[in-house]
Amino acid sequence: MSVGVQRNGAGLDRPVAAVAVAAVVVAAVGALWLVLASLGGRPDYRTVRVDNQAGLAMQVDAVDADGAVLGLGLAGPGTTTTFHELPDLGRTWTFVFSYGGRELLRQPVGGRELAGDGWTVQVPGEVTMELERQGYR
């Protein structure tokens, strides 16, 4: 009679080891991606106020240096309207003031100047005069 020795099952299970290695690799790649995303590529956000002393609500848009248009919304009449969480458009912001679908004025403002004014832009008197010239009060 011979005695045979059998494995006790404590050996390395290759499929389980492969899945464990794959999970560690996926976790490492995900962690690296999160670190890179947090370090850069995220735009700064601004709160911009529009001081509209005209007697009519005006549509206000902002245009960046590449010509992309960011619709801010309606600036209420005779008041300052606040627009939250706008991406920073960089060195130059061009504000476009419109009423009734007609563009009244494009006003470029430097980013530093805008920051110096507390991120507040005033609707120029020219816009009010243009509206009055067109018969709006």
Protein backbone atom coordinates (compact mmCIF):
# COMPACT_ATOMS: atom_id res chain seq x y z
CA MET A 1 0.00 0.00 0.00
CA SER A 2 1.28 3.39 -0.87
CA VAL A 3 0.43 6.66 0.72
CA GLY A 4 -0.27 9.60 -1.59
CA VAL A 5 0.00 13.21 -0.54
CA GLN A 6 -2.70 15.57 -1.77
CA ARG A 7 -2.54 19.34 -1.92
CA ASN A 8 -4.31 21.02 0.94
CA GLY A 9 -5.87 23.76 -1.29
CA ALA A 10 -3.75 26.55 0.12
CA GLY A 11 -2.05 27.18 -3.22
CA LEU A 12 -2.39 30.16 -5.56
CA ASP A 13 -5.65 30.32 -7.49
CA ARG A 14 -4.63 31.95 -10.78
CA PRO A 15 -8.04 33.33 -11.89
CA VAL A 16 -8.59 35.00 -8.52
CA ALA A 17 -5.08 36.47 -8.59
CA ALA A 18 -5.65 37.85 -12.11
CA VAL A 19 -8.89 39.55 -11.02
CA ALA A 20 -7.16 41.03 -7.95
CA VAL A 21 -4.30 42.44 -10.06
CA ALA A 22 -6.79 43.90 -12.55
CA ALA A 23 -8.72 45.57 -9.71
CA VAL A 24 -5.54 47.14 -8.32
CA VAL A 25 -4.56 48.44 -11.78
CA VAL A 26 -8.03 49.94 -12.39
CA ALA A 27 -7.97 51.60 -8.94
CA ALA A 28 -4.50 53.05 -9.59
CA VAL A 29 -5.50 54.44 -13.00
CA GLY A 30 -8.67 55.94 -11.49
CA ALA A 31 -6.72 57.57 -8.67
CA LEU A 32 -4.21 59.01 -11.16
CA TRP A 33 -7.05 60.38 -13.29
CA LEU A 34 -8.63 62.06 -10.24
CA VAL A 35 -5.32 63.64 -9.22
CA LEU A 36 -4.73 65.01 -12.73
CA ALA A 37 -8.29 66.34 -12.93
CA SER A 38 -7.93 68.16 -9.63
CA LEU A 39 -4.61 69.76 -10.61
CA GLY A 40 -5.68 71.49 -13.78
CA GLY A 41 -8.06 71.93 -16.61
CA ARG A 42 -10.88 73.12 -14.38
CA PRO A 43 -12.14 76.62 -15.20
CA ASP A 44 -12.46 79.32 -12.58
CA TYR A 45 -15.98 80.50 -11.97
CA ARG A 46 -17.06 84.09 -11.43
CA THR A 47 -20.09 85.97 -10.18
CA VAL A 48 -20.78 88.89 -12.51
CA ARG A 49 -23.15 91.74 -11.74
CA VAL A 50 -24.77 93.87 -14.44
CA ASP A 51 -25.85 97.37 -13.40
CA ASN A 52 -28.70 98.23 -15.76
CA GLN A 53 -30.05 101.74 -15.15
CA ALA A 54 -32.15 101.65 -18.33
CA GLY A 55 -35.91 101.49 -17.90
CA LEU A 56 -36.15 98.17 -19.77
CA ALA A 57 -34.85 94.68 -19.12
CA MET A 58 -31.97 93.79 -21.42
CA GLN A 59 -30.51 90.51 -22.63
CA VAL A 60 -26.83 90.33 -21.70
CA ASP A 61 -24.37 87.92 -23.31
CA ALA A 62 -20.62 87.60 -22.92
CA VAL A 63 -18.28 86.64 -25.77
CA ASP A 64 -14.81 85.22 -25.21
CA ALA A 65 -11.69 85.81 -27.31
CA ASP A 66 -12.54 82.87 -29.58
CA GLY A 67 -16.05 84.18 -30.29
CA ALA A 68 -17.91 81.67 -28.11
CA VAL A 69 -21.09 83.21 -26.71
CA LEU A 70 -22.14 82.77 -23.10
CA GLY A 71 -25.74 83.85 -22.51
CA LEU A 72 -25.92 85.49 -19.10
CA GLY A 73 -29.63 86.27 -19.12
CA LEU A 74 -31.91 89.24 -18.56
CA ALA A 75 -30.66 92.22 -16.59
CA GLY A 76 -33.65 93.76 -14.85
CA PRO A 77 -34.57 97.40 -15.46
CA GLY A 78 -33.17 100.00 -13.08
CA THR A 79 -31.36 97.45 -10.96
CA THR A 80 -28.22 95.37 -10.59
CA THR A 81 -28.68 91.75 -11.63
CA THR A 82 -26.29 89.06 -10.42
CA PHE A 83 -25.25 86.09 -12.57
CA HIS A 84 -23.61 83.25 -10.63
CA GLU A 85 -21.09 80.54 -11.58
CA LEU A 86 -19.97 81.87 -14.94
CA PRO A 87 -16.76 80.40 -16.35
CA ASP A 88 -13.94 82.92 -16.41
CA LEU A 89 -13.59 84.02 -20.04
CA GLY A 90 -10.01 85.17 -19.58
CA ARG A 91 -8.27 88.39 -20.60
CA THR A 92 -11.14 90.02 -22.43
CA TRP A 93 -14.87 89.78 -21.87
CA THR A 94 -17.06 91.32 -24.56
CA PHE A 95 -20.50 92.13 -23.22
CA VAL A 96 -23.34 92.23 -25.74
CA PHE A 97 -26.46 94.17 -24.76
CA SER A 98 -29.65 93.38 -26.69
CA TYR A 99 -33.30 94.28 -26.53
CA GLY A 100 -36.08 92.58 -28.48
CA GLY A 101 -33.57 90.43 -30.34
CA ARG A 102 -31.64 93.46 -31.63
CA GLU A 103 -28.08 93.99 -30.58
CA LEU A 104 -27.61 97.48 -29.15
CA LEU A 105 -23.95 97.48 -28.15
CA ARG A 106 -20.82 95.33 -27.82
CA GLN A 107 -18.55 96.46 -25.01
CA PRO A 108 -15.14 94.80 -24.55
CA VAL A 109 -13.84 94.86 -20.98
CA GLY A 110 -10.46 93.58 -19.85
CA GLY A 111 -10.56 90.79 -17.28
CA ARG A 112 -8.33 92.75 -14.90
CA GLU A 113 -10.49 95.85 -15.25
CA LEU A 114 -13.62 93.79 -14.62
CA ALA A 115 -12.03 92.21 -11.53
CA GLY A 116 -10.98 95.68 -10.34
CA ASP A 117 -14.61 96.82 -10.62
CA GLY A 118 -15.75 93.96 -8.39
CA TRP A 119 -16.91 91.91 -11.39
CA THR A 120 -19.60 94.51 -12.08
CA VAL A 121 -20.29 95.90 -15.54
CA GLN A 122 -22.52 98.89 -16.08
CA VAL A 123 -24.85 99.12 -19.05
CA PRO A 124 -23.49 102.21 -20.82
CA GLY A 125 -25.64 105.29 -21.23
CA GLU A 126 -25.32 104.81 -25.01
CA VAL A 127 -27.63 101.81 -24.73
CA THR A 128 -30.26 103.80 -22.87
CA MET A 129 -30.00 106.59 -25.43
CA GLU A 130 -30.37 104.11 -28.29
CA LEU A 131 -33.49 102.63 -26.70
CA GLU A 132 -34.98 106.11 -26.20
CA ARG A 133 -34.10 107.03 -29.79
CA GLN A 134 -36.09 103.97 -30.91
CA GLY A 135 -39.08 105.18 -28.89
CA TYR A 136 -38.76 102.92 -25.84
CA ARG A 137 -39.19 104.44 -22.40
